[in-house]
Amino acid sequence: GSFGDISTGDAPAGTFNEPWGVAVGPDGSVYVTDTWNHRVQKFSAEGKPIKTWGQYGQPLPEIPESQGYFWGPRGIDVDSQGRVYVADTGNKRIVIFDKNGKYLTEFGTAGFDPGQFDEPVSVTVANDGTVYVTDTWNQRIQSFIPSEASEVSEGTGGELIFLPLAQWDVNAWFGQSLDNKPFIAVSADNHVFITDPEGYRVIEFTASGEFVRTWGDFGVNADQLGLASGIAVDAQGSIWVTDAGNNRVLKYRLP
């Protein structure tokens, strides 16, 4: 990667303007949210550009091609079927595409009710298909379950929809700075891990929102964080966190 700004007309595939999110598909393809170029980029496992999609804008029902417009997308994840989930932060929605960038569906609008968002930064999909979102400025986590529309309403053709499952408040994410963008990850046993960037810590919950533990404090030592940002859980259950304030990655083992 290198810098490219699409607003100047000089941002070919493989260039970025603040890439915030990265995810790997079941076939090894790598997907990146190129945030301020308002697009998603797809690469081979070796880093070869395959495809880009998206542009700046707001989706409008009367303009079908605007379904793939973004406003500062950040989080991204891929499920076991290769569907790509993008947190379209500025447009306050989660958008789902197939592995080739074809629009499938979306959920979310602006607001505080279940299924609504205010600054959805990160999205992750658990092994059971449950989708978790950091609803940052509403200071809560929301989870959703996929369902065929035909199961909910007869005659809808089986379109994939996402239904609100649970919401819980978090005692974190108080600031609205450009740095205070929390990310989320889910372990194999469905425990939910979030970063609290300006709280310099990680918080763990059960899938239903019960608090488990928190760790971290401000500083530069191995048990401290300068700005907790991205987070992931590996196959062995270790937690990886990008410490943006100290320009490093930290790996934790749970007790």
C-alpha atoms as a PDB file:
ATOM      1  CA  GLY A   1       0.000   0.000   0.000  1.00  0.00           C
ATOM      2  CA  SER A   2       0.832   3.676  -0.393  1.00  0.00           C
ATOM      3  CA  PHE A   3      -1.050   6.948  -0.095  1.00  0.00           C
ATOM      4  CA  GLY A   4      -3.709   7.891  -2.608  1.00  0.00           C
ATOM      5  CA  ASP A   5      -6.497  10.466  -2.466  1.00  0.00           C
ATOM      6  CA  ILE A   6      -9.449   9.723  -4.701  1.00  0.00           C
ATOM      7  CA  SER A   7     -10.693  13.314  -4.436  1.00  0.00           C
ATOM      8  CA  THR A   8      -7.669  14.357  -6.519  1.00  0.00           C
ATOM      9  CA  GLY A   9      -8.301  11.563  -9.032  1.00  0.00           C
ATOM     10  CA  ASP A  10      -5.091   9.797  -8.060  1.00  0.00           C
ATOM     11  CA  ALA A  11      -5.966   6.694  -6.045  1.00  0.00           C
ATOM     12  CA  PRO A  12      -5.454   3.492  -8.058  1.00  0.00           C
ATOM     13  CA  ALA A  13      -6.109   0.109  -6.474  1.00  0.00           C
ATOM     14  CA  GLY A  14      -3.597  -0.604  -3.748  1.00  0.00           C
ATOM     15  CA  THR A  15      -3.401   2.987  -2.520  1.00  0.00           C
ATOM     16  CA  PHE A  16      -5.155   4.121   0.655  1.00  0.00           C
ATOM     17  CA  ASN A  17      -6.358   7.179   2.546  1.00  0.00           C
ATOM     18  CA  GLU A  18      -6.585   5.930   6.155  1.00  0.00           C
ATOM     19  CA  PRO A  19      -7.343   2.199   5.918  1.00  0.00           C
ATOM     20  CA  TRP A  20      -9.186   1.474   9.177  1.00  0.00           C
ATOM     21  CA  GLY A  21     -10.417  -2.085   8.831  1.00  0.00           C
ATOM     22  CA  VAL A  22      -9.069  -5.364   7.460  1.00  0.00           C
ATOM     23  CA  ALA A  23     -10.636  -8.831   7.223  1.00  0.00           C
ATOM     24  CA  VAL A  24      -9.811 -12.170   5.619  1.00  0.00           C
ATOM     25  CA  GLY A  25     -12.337 -14.272   3.735  1.00  0.00           C
ATOM     26  CA  PRO A  26     -12.609 -18.071   3.858  1.00  0.00           C
ATOM     27  CA  ASP A  27     -10.678 -18.307   0.560  1.00  0.00           C
ATOM     28  CA  GLY A  28      -7.817 -16.181   1.909  1.00  0.00           C
ATOM     29  CA  SER A  29      -8.833 -12.972   0.136  1.00  0.00           C
ATOM     30  CA  VAL A  30      -8.093  -9.802   2.083  1.00  0.00           C
ATOM     31  CA  TYR A  31     -10.621  -6.966   2.331  1.00  0.00           C
ATOM     32  CA  VAL A  32      -9.759  -3.437   3.467  1.00  0.00           C
ATOM     33  CA  THR A  33     -11.938  -0.430   4.228  1.00  0.00           C
ATOM     34  CA  ASP A  34     -10.163   2.496   2.555  1.00  0.00           C
ATOM     35  CA  THR A  35     -11.955   4.933   4.815  1.00  0.00           C
ATOM     36  CA  TRP A  36     -11.460   8.392   3.359  1.00  0.00           C
ATOM     37  CA  ASN A  37     -11.477   7.130  -0.197  1.00  0.00           C
ATOM     38  CA  HIS A  38     -14.933   5.805   0.747  1.00  0.00           C
ATOM     39  CA  ARG A  39     -14.434   2.359  -0.738  1.00  0.00           C
ATOM     40  CA  VAL A  40     -13.614  -1.281  -0.077  1.00  0.00           C
ATOM     41  CA  GLN A  41     -10.601  -2.917  -1.667  1.00  0.00           C
ATOM     42  CA  LYS A  42     -10.124  -6.648  -2.201  1.00  0.00           C
ATOM     43  CA  PHE A  43      -6.717  -8.311  -2.518  1.00  0.00           C
ATOM     44  CA  SER A  44      -5.357 -11.796  -2.981  1.00  0.00           C
ATOM     45  CA  ALA A  45      -3.639 -13.442  -0.024  1.00  0.00           C
ATOM     46  CA  GLU A  46      -0.366 -12.257  -1.574  1.00  0.00           C
ATOM     47  CA  GLY A  47      -1.537  -8.633  -1.707  1.00  0.00           C
ATOM     48  CA  LYS A  48      -2.419  -8.402  -5.393  1.00  0.00           C
ATOM     49  CA  PRO A  49      -5.322  -5.971  -6.043  1.00  0.00           C
ATOM     50  CA  ILE A  50      -8.433  -7.798  -7.245  1.00  0.00           C
ATOM     51  CA  LYS A  51     -11.334  -5.363  -7.001  1.00  0.00           C
ATOM     52  CA  THR A  52     -12.501  -2.083  -5.488  1.00  0.00           C
ATOM     53  CA  TRP A  53     -16.040  -0.854  -4.936  1.00  0.00           C
ATOM     54  CA  GLY A  54     -17.813   2.128  -3.433  1.00  0.00           C
ATOM     55  CA  GLN A  55     -17.674   5.894  -3.662  1.00  0.00           C
ATOM     56  CA  TYR A  56     -18.549   8.856  -1.474  1.00  0.00           C
ATOM     57  CA  GLY A  57     -22.232   9.545  -1.002  1.00  0.00           C
ATOM     58  CA  GLN A  58     -25.460   8.729   0.772  1.00  0.00           C
ATOM     59  CA  PRO A  59     -27.709   5.883  -0.385  1.00  0.00           C
ATOM     60  CA  LEU A  60     -31.077   6.957  -1.738  1.00  0.00           C
ATOM     61  CA  PRO A  61     -33.965   4.521  -2.329  1.00  0.00           C
ATOM     62  CA  GLU A  62     -34.768   6.129  -5.673  1.00  0.00           C
ATOM     63  CA  ILE A  63     -31.196   5.598  -6.917  1.00  0.00           C
ATOM     64  CA  PRO A  64     -30.434   1.838  -6.837  1.00  0.00           C
ATOM     65  CA  GLU A  65     -26.776   2.306  -7.762  1.00  0.00           C
ATOM     66  CA  SER A  66     -26.307   4.420  -4.617  1.00  0.00           C
ATOM     67  CA  GLN A  67     -26.690   1.316  -2.398  1.00  0.00           C
ATOM     68  CA  GLY A  68     -22.911   0.960  -2.470  1.00  0.00           C
ATOM     69  CA  TYR A  69     -22.131   4.587  -1.579  1.00  0.00           C
ATOM     70  CA  PHE A  70     -20.125   5.066   1.616  1.00  0.00           C
ATOM     71  CA  TRP A  71     -19.354   7.827   4.063  1.00  0.00           C
ATOM     72  CA  GLY A  72     -16.147   6.973   5.902  1.00  0.00           C
ATOM     73  CA  PRO A  73     -16.502   3.163   6.215  1.00  0.00           C
ATOM     74  CA  ARG A  74     -14.409   1.690   9.039  1.00  0.00           C
ATOM     75  CA  GLY A  75     -15.051  -1.819  10.356  1.00  0.00           C
ATOM     76  CA  ILE A  76     -15.227  -4.845   8.064  1.00  0.00           C
ATOM     77  CA  ASP A  77     -15.667  -8.598   8.494  1.00  0.00           C
ATOM     78  CA  VAL A  78     -16.363 -11.661   6.355  1.00  0.00           C
ATOM     79  CA  ASP A  79     -18.598 -14.558   7.383  1.00  0.00           C
ATOM     80  CA  SER A  80     -18.130 -18.262   6.699  1.00  0.00           C
ATOM     81  CA  GLN A  81     -20.068 -17.958   3.429  1.00  0.00           C
ATOM     82  CA  GLY A  82     -17.824 -15.180   2.137  1.00  0.00           C
ATOM     83  CA  ARG A  83     -20.297 -12.350   2.644  1.00  0.00           C
ATOM     84  CA  VAL A  84     -18.604  -9.041   3.396  1.00  0.00           C
ATOM     85  CA  TYR A  85     -20.001  -6.833   6.190  1.00  0.00           C
ATOM     86  CA  VAL A  86     -19.035  -3.149   6.139  1.00  0.00           C
ATOM     87  CA  ALA A  87     -19.675  -0.590   8.878  1.00  0.00           C
ATOM     88  CA  ASP A  88     -20.676   2.449   6.822  1.00  0.00           C
ATOM     89  CA  THR A  89     -20.034   4.735   9.774  1.00  0.00           C
ATOM     90  CA  GLY A  90     -21.177   8.094   8.431  1.00  0.00           C
ATOM     91  CA  ASN A  91     -24.318   6.661   6.847  1.00  0.00           C
ATOM     92  CA  LYS A  92     -25.168   4.838  10.110  1.00  0.00           C
ATOM     93  CA  ARG A  93     -25.706   1.399   8.658  1.00  0.00           C
ATOM     94  CA  ILE A  94     -24.153  -2.024   8.115  1.00  0.00           C
ATOM     95  CA  VAL A  95     -23.963  -3.043   4.448  1.00  0.00           C
ATOM     96  CA  ILE A  96     -23.536  -6.626   3.230  1.00  0.00           C
ATOM     97  CA  PHE A  97     -21.958  -7.590  -0.112  1.00  0.00           C
ATOM     98  CA  ASP A  98     -20.997 -10.835  -1.752  1.00  0.00           C
ATOM     99  CA  LYS A  99     -17.316 -11.630  -2.237  1.00  0.00           C
ATOM    100  CA  ASN A 100     -17.304  -9.790  -5.564  1.00  0.00           C
ATOM    101  CA  GLY A 101     -18.723  -6.559  -4.173  1.00  0.00           C
ATOM    102  CA  LYS A 102     -22.319  -7.137  -5.265  1.00  0.00           C
ATOM    103  CA  TYR A 103     -24.760  -5.432  -2.880  1.00  0.00           C
ATOM    104  CA  LEU A 104     -26.914  -7.936  -0.976  1.00  0.00           C
ATOM    105  CA  THR A 105     -28.668  -6.078   1.823  1.00  0.00           C
ATOM    106  CA  GLU A 106     -28.193  -3.645   4.704  1.00  0.00           C
ATOM    107  CA  PHE A 107     -29.591  -2.777   8.109  1.00  0.00           C
ATOM    108  CA  GLY A 108     -29.568   0.252  10.354  1.00  0.00           C
ATOM    109  CA  THR A 109     -30.674   3.874  10.331  1.00  0.00           C
ATOM    110  CA  ALA A 110     -29.890   6.887  12.492  1.00  0.00           C
ATOM    111  CA  GLY A 111     -31.376   6.807  15.993  1.00  0.00           C
ATOM    112  CA  PHE A 112     -31.378   5.181  19.421  1.00  0.00           C
ATOM    113  CA  ASP A 113     -33.946   2.393  19.032  1.00  0.00           C
ATOM    114  CA  PRO A 114     -32.892  -1.239  18.540  1.00  0.00           C
ATOM    115  CA  GLY A 115     -31.491  -1.567  15.031  1.00  0.00           C
ATOM    116  CA  GLN A 116     -30.547   2.109  14.854  1.00  0.00           C
ATOM    117  CA  PHE A 117     -27.059   3.575  15.169  1.00  0.00           C
ATOM    118  CA  ASP A 118     -25.058   6.654  15.977  1.00  0.00           C
ATOM    119  CA  GLU A 119     -21.480   6.194  14.711  1.00  0.00           C
ATOM    120  CA  PRO A 120     -21.310   2.428  14.082  1.00  0.00           C
ATOM    121  CA  VAL A 121     -17.553   1.921  13.871  1.00  0.00           C
ATOM    122  CA  SER A 122     -16.891  -1.816  13.979  1.00  0.00           C
ATOM    123  CA  VAL A 123     -18.730  -4.954  12.933  1.00  0.00           C
ATOM    124  CA  THR A 124     -17.887  -8.612  13.507  1.00  0.00           C
ATOM    125  CA  VAL A 125     -19.619 -11.903  12.771  1.00  0.00           C
ATOM    126  CA  ALA A 126     -19.512 -14.770  15.286  1.00  0.00           C
ATOM    127  CA  ASN A 127     -19.199 -18.404  14.255  1.00  0.00           C
ATOM    128  CA  ASP A 128     -22.936 -18.879  14.796  1.00  0.00           C
ATOM    129  CA  GLY A 129     -23.747 -16.004  12.403  1.00  0.00           C
ATOM    130  CA  THR A 130     -24.642 -13.426  15.065  1.00  0.00           C
ATOM    131  CA  VAL A 131     -23.493  -9.945  14.041  1.00  0.00           C
ATOM    132  CA  TYR A 132     -22.110  -7.532  16.658  1.00  0.00           C
ATOM    133  CA  VAL A 133     -21.734  -3.775  16.166  1.00  0.00           C
ATOM    134  CA  THR A 134     -20.074  -1.043  18.225  1.00  0.00           C
ATOM    135  CA  ASP A 135     -22.791   1.627  18.344  1.00  0.00           C
ATOM    136  CA  THR A 136     -20.266   4.165  19.563  1.00  0.00           C
ATOM    137  CA  TRP A 137     -22.066   7.406  20.310  1.00  0.00           C
ATOM    138  CA  ASN A 138     -25.059   5.535  21.690  1.00  0.00           C
ATOM    139  CA  GLN A 139     -22.478   3.910  24.013  1.00  0.00           C
ATOM    140  CA  ARG A 140     -23.738   0.398  23.524  1.00  0.00           C
ATOM    141  CA  ILE A 141     -23.153  -2.870  21.711  1.00  0.00           C
ATOM    142  CA  GLN A 142     -25.877  -4.283  19.500  1.00  0.00           C
ATOM    143  CA  SER A 143     -26.197  -7.815  18.189  1.00  0.00           C
ATOM    144  CA  PHE A 144     -28.290  -9.097  15.294  1.00  0.00           C
ATOM    145  CA  ILE A 145     -29.315 -12.492  13.959  1.00  0.00           C
ATOM    146  CA  PRO A 146     -29.729 -13.300  10.263  1.00  0.00           C
ATOM    147  CA  SER A 147     -33.102 -14.581   9.159  1.00  0.00           C
ATOM    148  CA  GLU A 148     -34.802 -15.337   5.888  1.00  0.00           C
ATOM    149  CA  ALA A 149     -37.565 -12.819   5.328  1.00  0.00           C
ATOM    150  CA  SER A 150     -39.868 -15.681   4.329  1.00  0.00           C
ATOM    151  CA  GLU A 151     -39.659 -16.873   7.931  1.00  0.00           C
ATOM    152  CA  VAL A 152     -40.999 -13.549   9.142  1.00  0.00           C
ATOM    153  CA  SER A 153     -43.472 -12.553   6.500  1.00  0.00           C
ATOM    154  CA  GLU A 154     -45.051 -14.783   3.882  1.00  0.00           C
ATOM    155  CA  GLY A 155     -44.372 -14.095   0.240  1.00  0.00           C
ATOM    156  CA  THR A 156     -41.225 -12.000   0.650  1.00  0.00           C
ATOM    157  CA  GLY A 157     -39.049 -14.324  -1.397  1.00  0.00           C
ATOM    158  CA  GLY A 158     -36.577 -15.397   1.252  1.00  0.00           C
ATOM    159  CA  GLU A 159     -34.496 -12.221   1.244  1.00  0.00           C
ATOM    160  CA  LEU A 160     -31.769 -12.165   3.919  1.00  0.00           C
ATOM    161  CA  ILE A 161     -32.591  -9.758   6.743  1.00  0.00           C
ATOM    162  CA  PHE A 162     -31.043  -9.047  10.125  1.00  0.00           C
ATOM    163  CA  LEU A 163     -33.146  -8.815  13.275  1.00  0.00           C
ATOM    164  CA  PRO A 164     -32.077  -7.044  16.499  1.00  0.00           C
ATOM    165  CA  LEU A 165     -31.174  -9.627  19.119  1.00  0.00           C
ATOM    166  CA  ALA A 166     -29.675  -7.775  22.100  1.00  0.00           C
ATOM    167  CA  GLN A 167     -28.351  -4.374  23.120  1.00  0.00           C
ATOM    168  CA  TRP A 168     -26.324  -3.448  26.165  1.00  0.00           C
ATOM    169  CA  ASP A 169     -24.780  -0.237  27.421  1.00  0.00           C
ATOM    170  CA  VAL A 170     -21.042   0.125  27.925  1.00  0.00           C
ATOM    171  CA  ASN A 171     -19.374   2.391  30.459  1.00  0.00           C
ATOM    172  CA  ALA A 172     -16.915   3.628  27.829  1.00  0.00           C
ATOM    173  CA  TRP A 173     -16.640   5.564  24.566  1.00  0.00           C
ATOM    174  CA  PHE A 174     -17.360   8.947  26.124  1.00  0.00           C
ATOM    175  CA  GLY A 175     -15.371  11.077  23.667  1.00  0.00           C
ATOM    176  CA  GLN A 176     -16.279  11.919  20.090  1.00  0.00           C
ATOM    177  CA  SER A 177     -12.752  12.589  18.848  1.00  0.00           C
ATOM    178  CA  LEU A 178     -11.405  11.139  15.622  1.00  0.00           C
ATOM    179  CA  ASP A 179      -9.251   8.759  17.670  1.00  0.00           C
ATOM    180  CA  ASN A 180     -12.026   7.382  19.860  1.00  0.00           C
ATOM    181  CA  LYS A 181     -13.187   4.685  17.423  1.00  0.00           C
ATOM    182  CA  PRO A 182     -13.717   1.319  19.169  1.00  0.00           C
ATOM    183  CA  PHE A 183     -13.402  -2.060  17.499  1.00  0.00           C
ATOM    184  CA  ILE A 184     -14.952  -5.399  18.417  1.00  0.00           C
ATOM    185  CA  ALA A 185     -14.095  -9.106  18.193  1.00  0.00           C
ATOM    186  CA  VAL A 186     -15.834 -12.336  19.220  1.00  0.00           C
ATOM    187  CA  SER A 187     -14.140 -15.511  20.445  1.00  0.00           C
ATOM    188  CA  ALA A 188     -15.059 -19.101  19.591  1.00  0.00           C
ATOM    189  CA  ASP A 189     -17.049 -19.360  22.840  1.00  0.00           C
ATOM    190  CA  ASN A 190     -18.979 -16.201  21.898  1.00  0.00           C
ATOM    191  CA  HIS A 191     -17.356 -13.833  24.354  1.00  0.00           C
ATOM    192  CA  VAL A 192     -17.340 -10.266  23.081  1.00  0.00           C
ATOM    193  CA  PHE A 193     -14.217  -8.091  23.326  1.00  0.00           C
ATOM    194  CA  ILE A 194     -14.156  -4.343  22.695  1.00  0.00           C
ATOM    195  CA  THR A 195     -11.516  -1.656  22.816  1.00  0.00           C
ATOM    196  CA  ASP A 196     -12.059   1.534  24.801  1.00  0.00           C
ATOM    197  CA  PRO A 197      -9.535   3.729  22.963  1.00  0.00           C
ATOM    198  CA  GLU A 198      -9.399   6.769  25.207  1.00  0.00           C
ATOM    199  CA  GLY A 199      -9.988   4.594  28.278  1.00  0.00           C
ATOM    200  CA  TYR A 200      -6.764   2.704  27.431  1.00  0.00           C
ATOM    201  CA  ARG A 201      -8.334  -0.701  28.035  1.00  0.00           C
ATOM    202  CA  VAL A 202     -10.089  -3.783  26.703  1.00  0.00           C
ATOM    203  CA  ILE A 203     -13.486  -4.928  28.028  1.00  0.00           C
ATOM    204  CA  GLU A 204     -14.886  -8.459  27.816  1.00  0.00           C
ATOM    205  CA  PHE A 205     -18.569  -9.492  27.901  1.00  0.00           C
ATOM    206  CA  THR A 206     -20.594 -12.633  27.393  1.00  0.00           C
ATOM    207  CA  ALA A 207     -22.775 -12.862  24.291  1.00  0.00           C
ATOM    208  CA  SER A 208     -25.729 -11.579  26.329  1.00  0.00           C
ATOM    209  CA  GLY A 209     -23.837  -8.547  27.604  1.00  0.00           C
ATOM    210  CA  GLU A 210     -22.772  -9.691  31.068  1.00  0.00           C
ATOM    211  CA  PHE A 211     -19.523  -8.054  32.133  1.00  0.00           C
ATOM    212  CA  VAL A 212     -16.598 -10.497  32.479  1.00  0.00           C
ATOM    213  CA  ARG A 213     -13.424  -8.438  32.951  1.00  0.00           C
ATOM    214  CA  THR A 214     -11.448  -5.420  31.839  1.00  0.00           C
ATOM    215  CA  TRP A 215      -7.737  -4.787  31.591  1.00  0.00           C
ATOM    216  CA  GLY A 216      -5.345  -2.005  30.629  1.00  0.00           C
ATOM    217  CA  ASP A 217      -4.253   1.402  31.834  1.00  0.00           C
ATOM    218  CA  PHE A 218      -2.500   4.361  30.240  1.00  0.00           C
ATOM    219  CA  GLY A 219       1.215   3.973  29.678  1.00  0.00           C
ATOM    220  CA  VAL A 220       3.995   2.378  27.660  1.00  0.00           C
ATOM    221  CA  ASN A 221       4.673  -0.818  29.621  1.00  0.00           C
ATOM    222  CA  ALA A 222       3.650  -4.280  28.423  1.00  0.00           C
ATOM    223  CA  ASP A 223       0.476  -4.207  30.542  1.00  0.00           C
ATOM    224  CA  GLN A 224      -0.477  -0.674  29.459  1.00  0.00           C
ATOM    225  CA  LEU A 225      -1.951   0.970  26.365  1.00  0.00           C
ATOM    226  CA  GLY A 226      -1.478   4.321  24.678  1.00  0.00           C
ATOM    227  CA  LEU A 227      -4.591   4.118  22.479  1.00  0.00           C
ATOM    228  CA  ALA A 228      -6.441   0.800  22.179  1.00  0.00           C
ATOM    229  CA  SER A 229      -7.759   0.464  18.645  1.00  0.00           C
ATOM    230  CA  GLY A 230      -8.133  -2.712  16.578  1.00  0.00           C
ATOM    231  CA  ILE A 231      -8.771  -6.078  18.217  1.00  0.00           C
ATOM    232  CA  ALA A 232      -8.872  -9.711  17.118  1.00  0.00           C
ATOM    233  CA  VAL A 233      -9.096 -13.195  18.626  1.00  0.00           C
ATOM    234  CA  ASP A 234      -6.919 -15.931  17.129  1.00  0.00           C
ATOM    235  CA  ALA A 235      -7.631 -19.660  16.835  1.00  0.00           C
ATOM    236  CA  GLN A 236      -5.912 -20.340  20.154  1.00  0.00           C
ATOM    237  CA  GLY A 237      -8.075 -17.782  21.970  1.00  0.00           C
ATOM    238  CA  SER A 238      -5.351 -15.161  22.400  1.00  0.00           C
ATOM    239  CA  ILE A 239      -6.402 -11.513  22.144  1.00  0.00           C
ATOM    240  CA  TRP A 240      -4.471  -9.172  19.841  1.00  0.00           C
ATOM    241  CA  VAL A 241      -4.780  -5.391  20.189  1.00  0.00           C
ATOM    242  CA  THR A 242      -3.267  -2.599  18.126  1.00  0.00           C
ATOM    243  CA  ASP A 243      -1.853   0.021  20.486  1.00  0.00           C
ATOM    244  CA  ALA A 244      -1.969   3.028  18.153  1.00  0.00           C
ATOM    245  CA  GLY A 245      -0.616   5.401  20.777  1.00  0.00           C
ATOM    246  CA  ASN A 246       2.564   3.369  21.225  1.00  0.00           C
ATOM    247  CA  ASN A 247       2.877   2.138  17.608  1.00  0.00           C
ATOM    248  CA  ARG A 248       2.766  -1.558  18.497  1.00  0.00           C
ATOM    249  CA  VAL A 249       0.655  -4.693  18.662  1.00  0.00           C
ATOM    250  CA  LEU A 250       0.015  -6.476  21.966  1.00  0.00           C
ATOM    251  CA  LYS A 251      -0.931 -10.130  22.480  1.00  0.00           C
ATOM    252  CA  TYR A 252      -2.778 -11.272  25.614  1.00  0.00           C
ATOM    253  CA  ARG A 253      -3.585 -14.693  27.055  1.00  0.00           C
ATOM    254  CA  LEU A 254      -6.786 -14.935  29.035  1.00  0.00           C
ATOM    255  CA  PRO A 255      -6.562 -16.437  32.535  1.00  0.00           C
END
